[in-house]
Amino acid sequence: MNQKKYKILSVDGGGIKGLYSAIFLERLEDQYGPLWPYFNLVCGTSTGGIIALAIASGVPAKTIVQFYKEAGPKIFHYKSSFAHSLRRFKHVVATTKYDNKELKRALEQVFEDRTIGDCHTNVLIPSVNMTKGRIRIFKSDHAPDLTKDNQKRIVDVALATSAAPMFLPIASFETEDGLEEFVDGGLAANNPSLFGLQEYLGYYKDKGKYEDFALLSLSTLHDNLKFELGEMKRRPPFIKWKDKLFSLMMDTQSVAAHYHILYLLKSINGDYLRIRSLELTKEEKKHIDLDKAYPRALSILIEKGEKVYEEYKHDPLLKKFFMTESKEEPA
């Protein structure tokens, strides 16, 4: 893969399941060194947005893994069955399942006061603007018509892309249009690969600088959410959907984006590699969800992340991403 490939790294959303992707990236970094020099654009949604911002900022992948191991259980704190039932009741009738104080504290430890403009390579981070009722893509100001985001704090953007409805509070901060509120980008684009590809097509294709693109897309570990026949009829509508709807929506969106890209590849030139979600056993499925951050859940995510790296590490297409650096300067 030569220097004229426009190379994109994309990381799906999925709460604590981002540890699965982070382990894969840590192993890549062990092999090839810092990852950001190999990509012209790093995209991420929700937890994948946090990972993308870290990679683009030059944060070592091992630090990202530690972020999930240490901050994850504090953000998605596990409690006794009674406390869990009480929190679940509050979650149903009044508020979000968790606050974002621990998340914000952990993000500030990693990113401090760095801004989008401090990233070493370009980034693209989807969120949903609740104030305006539309998707909001935070990205590096890499073209004359992009002048909004380089001064935005990475912590604010990370909170905006990861504010999962029902799980974490709405994120709010001052923008060029005043105070605005944001929720998880997974509502619109849990797999941001399509937006990364759109960035290439809109700004770089047929401009002479790149012959085509190469897209490396990382799934999080899907919990293979299924319902027994008749289960949804036996439970009250609000309760039966409240915890599962967001996870189901994120997983199905990610798969849909993957198939859209496969279809587009019939009419445009480029390389595409999707790092898949491994299958889970029946026992493992009980421990995997976007907010399950207790020891057994983390151990499964780490084990599966190691396993999926072993599956792909000799893939010729994966190796091509790291034959040459992108040589692209950020905006």
Foldseek 3Di string as FASTA:
>chain_A
DDLQAQEEEWEFDFALLCLLVLLLVLVVCVVFNQDQQLHQEYEAFALGLLVSQCSQLRNHSVVVNVLSQPLQCVQLPDDDPVVQVVLVVCLLPPDASGECPSVLVSSCVRQPFAFCLNGFHKYWYWWAWPVVGGIDIAIFQFDPVRDWGRNHGSSQSNCQQNQAPSHYDWGWDQGPVGITTIHHRLVPASTCQVVVQVCCVVPPPPPPRHPYYAYETEYGAQLPDDDDVPRCVVDPPSVVCSQPVSSVSSVVNNVVVVVVVVVVCVPGDYHYDYQDHDDDDPVLSVQDGNRRSDDVVSVVSSVRSVVSSVVCVPPPSVVVSSPDGNPDGTD
